[in-house]
Amino acid sequence: MTIKKLACSFLKASTLVEVLAALVIITLVVAIAATLYVKMGLKRPDNSVNLQLDLKALAEETKRNVDYAPRQYELENGVHVDQSVEPYRGDTLRLLLQLEATRQGTGERAVHREIVIANP
């Protein structure tokens, strides 16, 4: 046997199909792991993501009721929310709605800001 034949017999390359199959398997495993991670994170009651989602829902309710007065809310689980509204960059038609939440005990904070159209 020549050296060239000997070297070729030891070298083995992957085909494109094998590489693509491995890539699909790795992608599926990462997607499943990411989904499980996000689900477990949202199940925690003191998660800042849950606090942010609560603020977004409260902002939607405020817009639906067109109640842009400064207020303070006390939510369940010891969450204190301050709502403030001010003109957005001096414009009289647009308002900056800001909700700031603080969880008692943990001191966890979240802020939601949104530009809304003022009542005509």
Protein backbone atom coordinates (compact mmCIF):
# COMPACT_ATOMS: atom_id res chain seq x y z
CA MET A 1 0.00 0.00 0.00
CA THR A 2 1.16 3.42 -0.79
CA ILE A 3 1.16 6.18 1.74
CA LYS A 4 -1.60 8.02 -0.14
CA LYS A 5 -3.95 5.03 0.02
CA LEU A 6 -3.08 4.48 3.66
CA ALA A 7 -3.85 8.13 4.54
CA CYS A 8 -7.12 8.04 2.63
CA SER A 9 -8.26 4.91 4.41
CA PHE A 10 -7.86 6.59 7.82
CA LEU A 11 -9.50 9.85 6.86
CA LYS A 12 -13.24 9.84 7.05
CA ALA A 13 -15.37 12.90 6.39
CA SER A 14 -18.97 13.56 7.31
CA THR A 15 -21.47 13.97 4.55
CA LEU A 16 -23.63 17.03 4.28
CA VAL A 17 -26.69 15.00 5.29
CA GLU A 18 -25.02 13.88 8.51
CA VAL A 19 -24.01 17.44 9.40
CA LEU A 20 -27.53 18.74 8.72
CA ALA A 21 -29.07 15.93 10.79
CA ALA A 22 -26.78 16.76 13.72
CA LEU A 23 -27.64 20.44 13.36
CA VAL A 24 -31.38 19.70 13.45
CA ILE A 25 -31.00 17.55 16.56
CA ILE A 26 -28.96 20.21 18.37
CA THR A 27 -31.50 22.91 17.39
CA LEU A 28 -34.40 20.85 18.74
CA VAL A 29 -32.63 20.20 22.03
CA VAL A 30 -31.81 23.91 22.47
CA ALA A 31 -35.40 24.94 21.61
CA ILE A 32 -36.87 22.49 24.13
CA ALA A 33 -34.42 23.58 26.82
CA ALA A 34 -35.16 27.29 26.21
CA THR A 35 -38.91 26.68 26.39
CA LEU A 36 -38.59 24.80 29.67
CA TYR A 37 -36.34 27.52 31.10
CA VAL A 38 -38.82 30.28 30.26
CA LYS A 39 -41.78 28.29 31.64
CA MET A 40 -39.97 27.63 34.92
CA GLY A 41 -38.97 31.28 35.21
CA LEU A 42 -42.55 32.49 34.78
CA LYS A 43 -43.86 30.12 37.47
CA ARG A 44 -41.95 31.92 40.22
CA PRO A 45 -44.36 34.25 42.03
CA ASP A 46 -41.70 36.86 42.79
CA ASN A 47 -40.32 37.02 39.28
CA SER A 48 -39.69 40.46 37.77
CA VAL A 49 -41.14 39.20 34.48
CA ASN A 50 -44.46 38.63 36.25
CA LEU A 51 -44.22 42.10 37.77
CA GLN A 52 -43.61 43.60 34.33
CA LEU A 53 -46.57 41.67 32.88
CA ASP A 54 -48.78 42.96 35.72
CA LEU A 55 -47.76 46.53 34.90
CA LYS A 56 -48.49 46.04 31.21
CA ALA A 57 -51.97 44.69 32.03
CA LEU A 58 -52.58 47.62 34.38
CA ALA A 59 -51.50 50.06 31.65
CA GLU A 60 -53.92 48.43 29.19
CA GLU A 61 -56.73 48.78 31.75
CA THR A 62 -55.82 52.43 32.32
CA LYS A 63 -55.93 53.12 28.56
CA ARG A 64 -59.25 51.30 28.23
CA ASN A 65 -60.79 53.40 31.03
CA VAL A 66 -59.02 56.57 29.80
CA ASP A 67 -58.02 57.30 33.39
CA TYR A 68 -54.76 59.23 33.14
CA ALA A 69 -54.79 60.81 36.59
CA PRO A 70 -51.82 60.18 38.89
CA ARG A 71 -52.72 57.33 41.26
CA GLN A 72 -51.35 54.73 43.59
CA TYR A 73 -52.38 51.08 43.58
CA GLU A 74 -51.83 48.26 46.01
CA LEU A 75 -51.84 44.88 44.26
CA GLU A 76 -51.81 41.39 45.72
CA ASN A 77 -48.55 39.92 47.04
CA GLY A 78 -47.51 43.28 48.49
CA VAL A 79 -46.94 45.10 45.21
CA HIS A 80 -47.19 48.90 45.37
CA VAL A 81 -47.76 50.73 42.04
CA ASP A 82 -47.35 54.45 41.36
CA GLN A 83 -48.98 55.83 38.20
CA SER A 84 -47.81 59.15 36.82
CA VAL A 85 -48.81 60.96 33.64
CA GLU A 86 -47.08 63.93 32.06
CA PRO A 87 -46.98 65.58 28.64
CA TYR A 88 -44.59 63.82 26.31
CA ARG A 89 -41.84 66.26 25.31
CA GLY A 90 -44.15 69.24 25.74
CA ASP A 91 -46.76 67.88 23.32
CA THR A 92 -50.34 68.43 24.47
CA LEU A 93 -51.76 65.54 22.42
CA ARG A 94 -49.38 62.85 23.62
CA LEU A 95 -48.88 61.78 27.22
CA LEU A 96 -46.22 59.65 28.86
CA LEU A 97 -47.92 57.07 31.07
CA GLN A 98 -45.49 55.64 33.61
CA LEU A 99 -46.24 52.83 36.04
CA GLU A 100 -43.63 51.98 38.65
CA ALA A 101 -44.06 48.91 40.86
CA THR A 102 -42.20 47.89 44.00
CA ARG A 103 -42.64 44.52 45.71
CA GLN A 104 -42.64 44.81 49.48
CA GLY A 105 -40.19 42.54 51.24
CA THR A 106 -37.91 41.82 48.29
CA GLY A 107 -37.57 45.40 47.08
CA GLU A 108 -37.95 44.20 43.51
CA ARG A 109 -38.84 47.00 41.08
CA ALA A 110 -40.27 47.25 37.59
CA VAL A 111 -41.18 50.20 35.38
CA HIS A 112 -43.54 50.40 32.40
CA ARG A 113 -43.57 53.49 30.20
CA GLU A 114 -45.93 54.06 27.33
CA ILE A 115 -46.89 56.99 25.12
CA VAL A 116 -50.66 57.45 24.89
CA ILE A 117 -52.92 59.86 23.05
CA ALA A 118 -54.63 62.41 25.28
CA ASN A 119 -58.41 62.82 25.24
CA PRO A 120 -59.49 65.40 22.65
